[in-house]
Amino acid sequence: MRKLFFLAAAAVFAFGCSQDRSQVLKVYNWSDYIDESVIPEFETWYQEQTGQSVKVIYQTFDINETMLSKIEKGHEDYDVVCPSDYIIERMMRSDLLLPLDKDFGSTPNYIDGNVSPFVKARFDEFNGGEGKNANDYAVGNMWGTTGILYNAKYVSDDDALTWDIVRNPKYAGKIFIKDSARDVYSQIILKIKEAAIAAGEVSAQELMNYTSDEDIALFEEYMAEVKDLVAGWEADFGKDQMVQEIGYANLTWSGDAVWAIEEAAEVGVDLRFALPKEGFTVWFDGWVIPKYAQNIQAARYWINFMNRPDIVIRNSQECGYVACSGSQEVMEAFVDEECDPIDLTYFFGEGADSVRTNPVLYPDRADIERSALEHDWGGNTEKLILAWARVKGDNATSSTYIIIFVCIAAALCGYIVSKRKKSHRHARR
């Protein structure tokens, strides 16, 4: 990221001297979420397409709310940003986004023909308020799932296929859970309401809006059985603990799971990723143009360029997450002949019924049908965050502090080697 820092600094200096925002594009994106070599390529491409020069100021964030606060309260004039699904909903309802214009004249439109129909359908489900459709305001960038990363030497496949693994006493002290109120609540409510789903009384998607006091109380009651079994509530270190076999099970995101599985394989540890039978959630990050943007034209072209298949492939390979592009080129780029064929017609369309690729990255149709999209909690956000604080409480033990010490030491070592290998760290929530 050092090159990006100097790139941004140089652009800020140039902007400060010229004050001509028509020649400056301010991009705000997740850390380690792009192949930085595409930035100067965009600048060249933009001039070729429009006859106008532009300099990209590229800055990064690690938490959605940091980005949102700068725009909502600080009225920062970022031209294009990449928030997560629930923040896109919040920004739409707060009138903080500008609608997209996908007419690029003689320049090809890389958006409409490439973004997966699965992603577009899920964006249709966003709660943007006032009849707004998210596909008019956002274009999917990356996506993934939430599931269970587990060590096959200690955990059976059957145990990993249920969220009940987090309260299974067999794995006491070996369980790591994402320190994410949103992601944990959404999975556990699916477990709690499992019978109602099976009876057809409620769908997994409808449960994503269940935030009543009664539902929250049921969640806290369930998590009371989990609390004493958990080795750590983690934002990022869980996958490292899994690779080192300190943990046996980890409620985590698919992107972290891919990294951990690859790292573990190098040291002979068999880690796997399961999507529990009760259901699970999918998440999305997408490009949007904020209300206070100053260079709307360049922002539109940036989003278009980021959906060009060759750029999508490079960014995905760099960050380790799965792109929202359903183009044939992207599918072919991630074919792995060592994998069993799976049905990806939901994502890539006809002809993708037996694609050999990593199912952690692209779940099979049979699995994705159990998925649900999380939503912004709106006015219930505060009470759910408070419930999460009560769930975690203060259950630190001597082993907890040992784990924290080990994590700090591992982090220092990781920093030294980070320039040689990406760890795909992404604190989405």
Protein backbone atom coordinates (compact mmCIF):
# COMPACT_ATOMS: atom_id res chain seq x y z
CA MET A 1 0.00 0.00 0.00
CA ARG A 2 3.02 2.33 0.24
CA LYS A 3 2.86 3.05 -3.49
CA LEU A 4 -0.78 3.93 -3.12
CA PHE A 5 0.05 6.34 -0.31
CA PHE A 6 2.54 8.24 -2.43
CA LEU A 7 0.18 8.09 -5.38
CA ALA A 8 -2.57 9.66 -3.28
CA ALA A 9 -0.20 12.22 -1.76
CA ALA A 10 1.02 13.32 -5.16
CA ALA A 11 -2.52 13.64 -6.41
CA VAL A 12 -3.58 15.62 -3.35
CA PHE A 13 -0.68 18.01 -3.94
CA ALA A 14 -1.60 18.42 -7.59
CA PHE A 15 -5.23 18.99 -6.65
CA GLY A 16 -4.27 21.56 -4.05
CA CYS A 17 -2.34 23.51 -6.66
CA SER A 18 -4.84 23.37 -9.53
CA GLN A 19 -8.18 23.26 -7.67
CA ASP A 20 -9.64 21.78 -10.88
CA ARG A 21 -11.82 18.90 -9.74
CA SER A 22 -12.69 17.95 -13.32
CA GLN A 23 -9.17 16.55 -13.56
CA VAL A 24 -9.20 14.75 -10.20
CA LEU A 25 -11.05 11.57 -9.21
CA LYS A 26 -11.27 10.81 -5.48
CA VAL A 27 -11.75 7.09 -4.82
CA TYR A 28 -12.40 5.63 -1.34
CA ASN A 29 -12.13 1.84 -1.17
CA TRP A 30 -11.39 -1.04 1.20
CA SER A 31 -7.76 -1.72 2.08
CA ASP A 32 -6.05 -4.39 -0.07
CA TYR A 33 -9.05 -4.52 -2.40
CA ILE A 34 -7.46 -3.68 -5.72
CA ASP A 35 -4.48 -4.40 -7.94
CA GLU A 36 -2.85 -0.97 -7.62
CA SER A 37 -1.43 -1.16 -11.16
CA VAL A 38 -4.95 -0.68 -12.57
CA ILE A 39 -5.04 2.91 -11.26
CA PRO A 40 -2.59 4.46 -13.75
CA GLU A 41 -4.13 2.24 -16.43
CA PHE A 42 -7.50 3.80 -15.71
CA GLU A 43 -6.03 7.28 -16.04
CA THR A 44 -4.65 6.42 -19.48
CA TRP A 45 -7.87 4.65 -20.55
CA TYR A 46 -10.02 7.56 -19.38
CA GLN A 47 -8.07 10.02 -21.51
CA GLU A 48 -8.34 7.70 -24.50
CA GLN A 49 -12.10 7.42 -24.07
CA THR A 50 -12.95 11.04 -23.22
CA GLY A 51 -10.03 13.12 -24.41
CA GLN A 52 -9.73 14.48 -20.86
CA SER A 53 -6.98 13.91 -18.31
CA VAL A 54 -7.67 12.76 -14.77
CA LYS A 55 -5.54 12.02 -11.70
CA VAL A 56 -6.80 9.46 -9.18
CA ILE A 57 -6.59 10.19 -5.47
CA TYR A 58 -6.92 6.71 -4.02
CA GLN A 59 -7.60 6.36 -0.29
CA THR A 60 -8.64 3.34 1.81
CA PHE A 61 -10.77 2.52 4.84
CA ASP A 62 -11.10 -0.56 7.08
CA ILE A 63 -14.59 -0.03 8.54
CA ASN A 64 -17.81 0.84 6.74
CA GLU A 65 -18.87 3.31 9.39
CA THR A 66 -15.64 5.31 9.03
CA MET A 67 -16.39 5.88 5.37
CA LEU A 68 -20.05 6.67 6.04
CA SER A 69 -19.27 9.20 8.76
CA LYS A 70 -16.92 11.14 6.49
CA ILE A 71 -19.63 11.49 3.87
CA GLU A 72 -22.70 11.81 6.08
CA LYS A 73 -21.25 14.17 8.68
CA GLY A 74 -18.16 15.57 7.01
CA HIS A 75 -19.68 15.98 3.53
CA GLU A 76 -16.41 14.71 2.04
CA ASP A 77 -16.37 15.07 -1.73
CA TYR A 78 -15.37 11.50 -2.62
CA ASP A 79 -16.41 10.74 -6.18
CA VAL A 80 -16.76 6.98 -5.85
CA VAL A 81 -16.75 4.68 -2.80
CA CYS A 82 -17.28 0.95 -2.16
CA PRO A 83 -19.54 0.31 0.88
CA SER A 84 -21.15 -2.94 1.98
CA ASP A 85 -24.76 -3.91 1.37
CA TYR A 86 -26.33 -2.58 4.58
CA ILE A 87 -24.46 0.72 4.27
CA ILE A 88 -25.66 1.06 0.68
CA GLU A 89 -29.19 0.66 2.04
CA ARG A 90 -28.56 3.29 4.70
CA MET A 91 -27.04 5.73 2.22
CA MET A 92 -29.95 5.28 -0.19
CA ARG A 93 -32.51 5.97 2.53
CA SER A 94 -30.54 9.03 3.64
CA ASP A 95 -30.36 10.40 0.08
CA LEU A 96 -26.56 10.22 0.13
CA LEU A 97 -26.22 8.54 -3.28
CA LEU A 98 -26.57 9.79 -6.83
CA PRO A 99 -28.27 7.58 -9.44
CA LEU A 100 -25.97 5.94 -11.97
CA ASP A 101 -25.89 6.81 -15.67
CA LYS A 102 -24.62 3.83 -17.68
CA ASP A 103 -24.63 5.56 -21.06
CA PHE A 104 -20.98 5.88 -22.06
CA GLY A 105 -21.45 6.89 -25.66
CA SER A 106 -18.92 5.14 -27.89
CA THR A 107 -17.20 3.57 -24.86
CA PRO A 108 -18.38 -0.03 -24.23
CA ASN A 109 -20.68 -0.59 -21.26
CA TYR A 110 -18.92 -3.24 -19.14
CA ILE A 111 -21.55 -3.16 -16.40
CA ASP A 112 -24.90 -4.33 -17.72
CA GLY A 113 -23.57 -7.30 -19.66
CA ASN A 114 -21.11 -8.49 -17.03
CA VAL A 115 -22.55 -8.12 -13.53
CA SER A 116 -23.98 -11.51 -12.52
CA PRO A 117 -27.78 -11.90 -12.67
CA PHE A 118 -27.53 -13.36 -9.16
CA VAL A 119 -25.98 -10.12 -7.89
CA LYS A 120 -28.54 -7.95 -9.68
CA ALA A 121 -31.37 -10.01 -8.21
CA ARG A 122 -29.97 -9.63 -4.71
CA PHE A 123 -29.54 -5.88 -5.20
CA ASP A 124 -33.24 -5.79 -6.08
CA GLU A 125 -33.85 -6.94 -2.48
CA PHE A 126 -32.05 -3.98 -0.88
CA ASN A 127 -34.25 -1.76 1.29
CA GLY A 128 -33.44 1.61 -0.21
CA GLY A 129 -36.68 3.33 0.77
CA GLU A 130 -39.14 5.37 -1.31
CA GLY A 131 -39.28 2.78 -4.08
CA LYS A 132 -35.55 3.08 -4.85
CA ASN A 133 -33.82 0.13 -6.51
CA ALA A 134 -30.20 -0.47 -5.54
CA ASN A 135 -29.30 -1.41 -9.11
CA ASP A 136 -29.96 2.21 -10.05
CA TYR A 137 -27.49 3.45 -7.44
CA ALA A 138 -24.85 0.73 -7.01
CA VAL A 139 -22.83 -1.80 -9.01
CA GLY A 140 -21.62 -4.95 -7.25
CA ASN A 141 -17.87 -5.24 -6.74
CA MET A 142 -17.09 -8.21 -4.46
CA TRP A 143 -19.25 -10.72 -2.59
CA GLY A 144 -19.01 -13.70 -0.28
CA THR A 145 -20.71 -15.91 2.31
CA THR A 146 -20.60 -16.49 6.07
CA GLY A 147 -20.00 -20.03 7.27
CA ILE A 148 -17.90 -22.35 9.43
CA LEU A 149 -14.18 -22.84 8.90
CA TYR A 150 -13.16 -26.05 10.64
CA ASN A 151 -10.26 -28.44 11.19
CA ALA A 152 -11.22 -31.83 9.69
CA LYS A 153 -8.86 -33.65 12.06
CA TYR A 154 -10.90 -32.62 15.10
CA VAL A 155 -14.34 -31.68 13.74
CA SER A 156 -16.67 -33.97 11.79
CA ASP A 157 -18.35 -32.76 8.61
CA ASP A 158 -21.75 -33.28 10.24
CA ASP A 159 -20.87 -31.09 13.22
CA ALA A 160 -19.66 -28.34 10.90
CA LEU A 161 -22.93 -28.34 8.95
CA THR A 162 -24.89 -26.73 11.77
CA TRP A 163 -24.53 -23.41 13.57
CA ASP A 164 -24.94 -25.44 16.76
CA ILE A 165 -21.22 -26.16 16.52
CA VAL A 166 -20.61 -22.87 18.34
CA ARG A 167 -22.34 -24.26 21.44
CA ASN A 168 -21.05 -27.81 21.14
CA PRO A 169 -19.14 -28.60 24.37
CA LYS A 170 -16.83 -30.97 22.47
CA TYR A 171 -15.05 -27.90 21.12
CA ALA A 172 -14.93 -25.80 24.26
CA GLY A 173 -12.03 -23.37 24.18
CA LYS A 174 -11.41 -24.10 20.50
CA ILE A 175 -14.10 -21.90 18.98
CA PHE A 176 -13.48 -18.50 17.43
CA ILE A 177 -16.33 -16.22 16.39
CA LYS A 178 -16.26 -13.05 14.33
CA ASP A 179 -16.65 -9.99 16.55
CA SER A 180 -19.52 -8.86 14.35
CA ALA A 181 -22.97 -8.36 15.81
CA ARG A 182 -24.56 -8.29 12.37
CA ASP A 183 -23.01 -11.48 11.01
CA VAL A 184 -23.45 -13.54 14.17
CA TYR A 185 -27.04 -12.48 14.87
CA SER A 186 -28.09 -13.21 11.28
CA GLN A 187 -26.76 -16.78 11.42
CA ILE A 188 -28.06 -17.60 14.89
CA ILE A 189 -31.57 -16.34 14.19
CA LEU A 190 -31.64 -18.85 11.31
CA LYS A 191 -30.76 -21.61 13.78
CA ILE A 192 -33.28 -20.45 16.36
CA LYS A 193 -36.08 -20.34 13.79
CA GLU A 194 -35.02 -23.56 12.03
CA ALA A 195 -38.32 -25.33 12.73
CA ALA A 196 -40.37 -22.36 11.50
CA ILE A 197 -38.37 -22.32 8.25
CA ALA A 198 -38.88 -26.07 7.76
CA ALA A 199 -42.62 -25.69 8.36
CA GLY A 200 -42.85 -22.94 5.78
CA GLU A 201 -43.98 -20.39 8.37
CA VAL A 202 -41.16 -18.00 7.54
CA SER A 203 -38.35 -17.81 4.98
CA ALA A 204 -34.67 -17.33 5.69
CA GLN A 205 -34.86 -13.98 3.91
CA GLU A 206 -37.80 -12.80 6.02
CA LEU A 207 -35.83 -13.63 9.16
CA MET A 208 -33.27 -10.99 8.22
CA ASN A 209 -35.85 -8.43 9.34
CA TYR A 210 -36.62 -10.14 12.67
CA THR A 211 -35.26 -7.71 15.24
CA SER A 212 -38.05 -7.56 17.81
CA ASP A 213 -37.30 -7.53 21.54
CA GLU A 214 -38.47 -11.15 21.70
CA ASP A 215 -36.10 -12.20 18.89
CA ILE A 216 -33.18 -10.42 20.51
CA ALA A 217 -33.97 -12.09 23.85
CA LEU A 218 -33.95 -15.51 22.14
CA PHE A 219 -30.60 -14.66 20.55
CA GLU A 220 -29.10 -13.69 23.91
CA GLU A 221 -30.47 -16.84 25.51
CA TYR A 222 -28.85 -18.97 22.80
CA MET A 223 -25.53 -17.14 23.01
CA ALA A 224 -25.44 -17.56 26.79
CA GLU A 225 -24.69 -21.22 26.07
CA VAL A 226 -21.93 -20.20 23.65
CA LYS A 227 -20.10 -17.59 25.69
CA ASP A 228 -18.06 -19.90 27.96
CA LEU A 229 -17.01 -22.11 25.03
CA VAL A 230 -15.52 -19.32 22.94
CA ALA A 231 -11.74 -18.90 22.84
CA GLY A 232 -12.00 -15.45 21.25
CA TRP A 233 -14.23 -12.92 19.53
CA GLU A 234 -12.08 -11.92 16.61
CA ALA A 235 -12.02 -9.27 13.91
CA ASP A 236 -9.17 -10.81 11.96
CA PHE A 237 -6.95 -13.18 13.95
CA GLY A 238 -9.28 -16.19 13.89
CA LYS A 239 -7.96 -17.56 10.63
CA ASP A 240 -4.40 -17.46 11.95
CA GLN A 241 -5.50 -19.45 15.02
CA MET A 242 -7.10 -22.01 12.74
CA VAL A 243 -3.95 -22.42 10.65
CA GLN A 244 -1.92 -22.94 13.84
CA GLU A 245 -4.51 -25.47 15.13
CA ILE A 246 -5.17 -23.34 18.19
CA GLY A 247 -8.79 -23.22 17.07
CA TYR A 248 -10.90 -26.03 15.67
CA ALA A 249 -13.93 -24.05 14.46
CA ASN A 250 -14.38 -20.45 13.33
CA LEU A 251 -17.56 -18.59 12.39
CA THR A 252 -16.11 -16.50 9.59
CA TRP A 253 -16.35 -15.12 6.05
CA SER A 254 -15.53 -17.08 2.91
CA GLY A 255 -12.65 -14.74 1.99
CA ASP A 256 -10.90 -15.43 5.30
CA ALA A 257 -11.63 -19.13 4.86
CA VAL A 258 -9.93 -19.27 1.45
CA TRP A 259 -6.80 -17.64 2.84
CA ALA A 260 -6.72 -19.94 5.89
CA ILE A 261 -7.29 -23.12 3.85
CA GLU A 262 -4.44 -22.25 1.48
CA GLU A 263 -2.07 -21.33 4.32
CA ALA A 264 -2.97 -24.43 6.31
CA ALA A 265 -2.39 -26.74 3.35
CA GLU A 266 1.22 -25.55 3.19
CA VAL A 267 1.84 -26.85 6.72
CA GLY A 268 -0.21 -30.05 6.40
CA VAL A 269 -3.35 -28.85 8.20
CA ASP A 270 -6.70 -29.84 6.66
CA LEU A 271 -9.08 -26.90 6.99
CA ARG A 272 -12.49 -26.91 5.32
CA PHE A 273 -15.42 -24.51 4.97
CA ALA A 274 -19.08 -25.43 5.48
CA LEU A 275 -22.34 -23.56 4.83
CA PRO A 276 -24.67 -24.78 7.59
CA LYS A 277 -27.90 -26.57 6.73
CA GLU A 278 -30.08 -24.05 8.59
CA GLY A 279 -29.09 -21.34 6.11
CA PHE A 280 -26.47 -18.63 5.94
CA THR A 281 -26.00 -15.08 4.70
CA VAL A 282 -24.37 -13.59 1.64
CA TRP A 283 -22.77 -10.14 1.63
CA PHE A 284 -21.90 -7.67 -1.09
CA ASP A 285 -19.72 -4.60 -1.55
CA GLY A 286 -20.58 -2.25 -4.38
CA TRP A 287 -19.43 0.90 -6.15
CA VAL A 288 -21.57 4.00 -5.58
CA ILE A 289 -21.34 7.74 -6.29
CA PRO A 290 -21.91 9.79 -3.11
CA LYS A 291 -24.09 12.88 -2.99
CA TYR A 292 -21.15 15.27 -2.58
CA ALA A 293 -19.10 13.93 -5.52
CA GLN A 294 -17.47 16.61 -7.66
CA ASN A 295 -16.31 14.55 -10.66
CA ILE A 296 -19.36 12.48 -11.52
CA GLN A 297 -18.27 11.73 -15.08
CA ALA A 298 -14.93 10.23 -14.04
CA ALA A 299 -16.69 8.30 -11.26
CA ARG A 300 -19.04 6.70 -13.81
CA TYR A 301 -16.13 5.75 -16.02
CA TRP A 302 -14.22 4.32 -13.02
CA ILE A 303 -17.13 2.02 -12.17
CA ASN A 304 -17.38 0.97 -15.80
CA PHE A 305 -13.64 0.27 -16.02
CA MET A 306 -13.71 -1.76 -12.79
CA ASN A 307 -16.23 -4.08 -14.46
CA ARG A 308 -14.09 -4.79 -17.50
CA PRO A 309 -13.40 -8.55 -17.26
CA ASP A 310 -9.59 -8.33 -17.35
CA ILE A 311 -9.62 -5.71 -14.58
CA VAL A 312 -12.09 -7.77 -12.54
CA ILE A 313 -9.83 -10.81 -12.75
CA ARG A 314 -6.74 -8.90 -11.67
CA ASN A 315 -8.48 -7.30 -8.71
CA SER A 316 -9.99 -10.61 -7.58
CA GLN A 317 -6.65 -12.41 -7.80
CA GLU A 318 -4.98 -9.61 -5.85
CA CYS A 319 -7.43 -9.37 -2.95
CA GLY A 320 -8.65 -12.98 -2.75
CA TYR A 321 -12.35 -12.13 -2.77
CA VAL A 322 -14.94 -13.06 -5.38
CA ALA A 323 -16.02 -10.47 -7.95
CA CYS A 324 -19.64 -9.77 -8.78
CA SER A 325 -18.89 -10.21 -12.47
CA GLY A 326 -20.64 -13.08 -14.20
CA SER A 327 -18.71 -12.80 -17.45
CA GLN A 328 -17.43 -15.85 -19.29
CA GLU A 329 -13.84 -14.59 -18.99
CA VAL A 330 -14.10 -14.40 -15.20
CA MET A 331 -15.57 -17.88 -14.93
CA GLU A 332 -12.81 -19.34 -17.08
CA ALA A 333 -10.14 -17.54 -15.05
CA PHE A 334 -11.18 -19.38 -11.89
CA VAL A 335 -11.58 -22.88 -13.28
CA ASP A 336 -9.64 -25.40 -11.20
CA GLU A 337 -9.49 -28.89 -12.71
CA GLU A 338 -8.71 -30.39 -9.30
CA CYS A 339 -12.15 -29.38 -8.01
CA ASP A 340 -15.37 -31.34 -8.49
CA PRO A 341 -17.88 -29.85 -10.97
CA ILE A 342 -20.62 -27.71 -9.42
CA ASP A 343 -23.73 -25.95 -10.72
CA LEU A 344 -23.09 -22.22 -11.11
CA THR A 345 -25.90 -21.44 -13.54
CA TYR A 346 -27.39 -19.07 -10.96
CA PHE A 347 -24.27 -16.94 -11.23
CA PHE A 348 -22.89 -17.38 -14.76
CA GLY A 349 -26.02 -18.47 -16.64
CA GLU A 350 -26.57 -21.30 -19.10
CA GLY A 351 -23.59 -23.54 -19.74
CA ALA A 352 -22.28 -23.20 -16.18
CA ASP A 353 -23.98 -26.32 -14.80
CA SER A 354 -20.73 -28.25 -14.20
CA VAL A 355 -17.93 -25.79 -13.54
CA ARG A 356 -14.80 -27.06 -11.82
CA THR A 357 -13.95 -24.32 -9.34
CA ASN A 358 -13.44 -23.72 -5.63
CA PRO A 359 -16.86 -24.08 -3.91
CA VAL A 360 -15.72 -21.80 -1.08
CA LEU A 361 -15.49 -19.00 -3.63
CA TYR A 362 -18.54 -20.00 -5.68
CA PRO A 363 -21.06 -22.13 -3.75
CA ASP A 364 -23.08 -24.72 -5.64
CA ARG A 365 -26.67 -23.78 -6.60
CA ALA A 366 -28.02 -26.27 -4.04
CA ASP A 367 -26.19 -24.41 -1.29
CA ILE A 368 -26.86 -20.85 -2.44
CA GLU A 369 -30.59 -21.53 -2.35
CA ARG A 370 -30.33 -21.60 1.47
CA SER A 371 -28.78 -18.13 1.57
CA ALA A 372 -30.27 -14.84 2.73
CA LEU A 373 -29.25 -11.21 2.37
CA GLU A 374 -28.61 -9.21 5.54
CA HIS A 375 -30.24 -5.79 5.85
CA ASP A 376 -29.51 -2.57 7.66
CA TRP A 377 -31.08 -2.66 11.13
CA GLY A 378 -32.24 0.94 10.90
CA GLY A 379 -33.67 2.23 14.19
CA ASN A 380 -32.97 -1.11 15.88
CA THR A 381 -29.21 -0.87 15.34
CA GLU A 382 -28.44 0.49 18.80
CA LYS A 383 -30.40 -2.13 20.74
CA LEU A 384 -28.83 -4.94 18.71
CA ILE A 385 -25.34 -3.55 19.29
CA LEU A 386 -26.09 -3.34 23.01
CA ALA A 387 -27.32 -6.94 22.95
CA TRP A 388 -24.06 -7.96 21.30
CA ALA A 389 -22.09 -6.22 24.04
CA ARG A 390 -24.07 -8.15 26.65
CA VAL A 391 -23.48 -11.41 24.76
CA LYS A 392 -19.71 -11.00 24.84
CA GLY A 393 -19.57 -9.62 28.38
CA ASP A 394 -16.26 -10.03 30.16
CA ASN A 395 -15.36 -13.69 29.91
CA ALA A 396 -11.61 -13.19 29.62
CA THR A 397 -9.63 -16.01 31.19
CA SER A 398 -5.90 -16.63 31.46
CA SER A 399 -6.05 -18.63 28.22
CA THR A 400 -7.74 -15.67 26.53
CA TYR A 401 -4.85 -13.39 27.43
CA ILE A 402 -2.35 -15.97 26.22
CA ILE A 403 -4.18 -16.12 22.90
CA ILE A 404 -4.16 -12.31 22.68
CA PHE A 405 -0.41 -12.27 23.34
CA VAL A 406 0.16 -14.92 20.67
CA CYS A 407 -1.99 -12.93 18.24
CA ILE A 408 0.01 -9.76 18.83
CA ALA A 409 3.25 -11.63 18.24
CA ALA A 410 1.82 -13.24 15.10
CA ALA A 411 0.65 -9.86 13.87
CA LEU A 412 4.15 -8.44 14.21
CA CYS A 413 5.58 -11.36 12.27
CA GLY A 414 2.81 -11.05 9.74
CA TYR A 415 3.66 -7.42 9.14
CA ILE A 416 7.21 -8.39 8.23
CA VAL A 417 6.10 -10.89 5.60
CA SER A 418 3.05 -8.99 4.38
CA LYS A 419 4.92 -7.50 1.46
CA ARG A 420 5.55 -10.98 0.11
CA LYS A 421 2.10 -12.45 0.59
CA LYS A 422 -1.32 -10.85 0.97
CA SER A 423 -3.42 -12.07 3.91
CA HIS A 424 -6.64 -10.62 2.44
CA ARG A 425 -7.54 -8.90 5.69
CA HIS A 426 -10.81 -7.11 5.43
CA ALA A 427 -12.70 -5.89 8.51
CA ARG A 428 -15.99 -5.53 6.67
CA ARG A 429 -18.24 -5.07 9.67
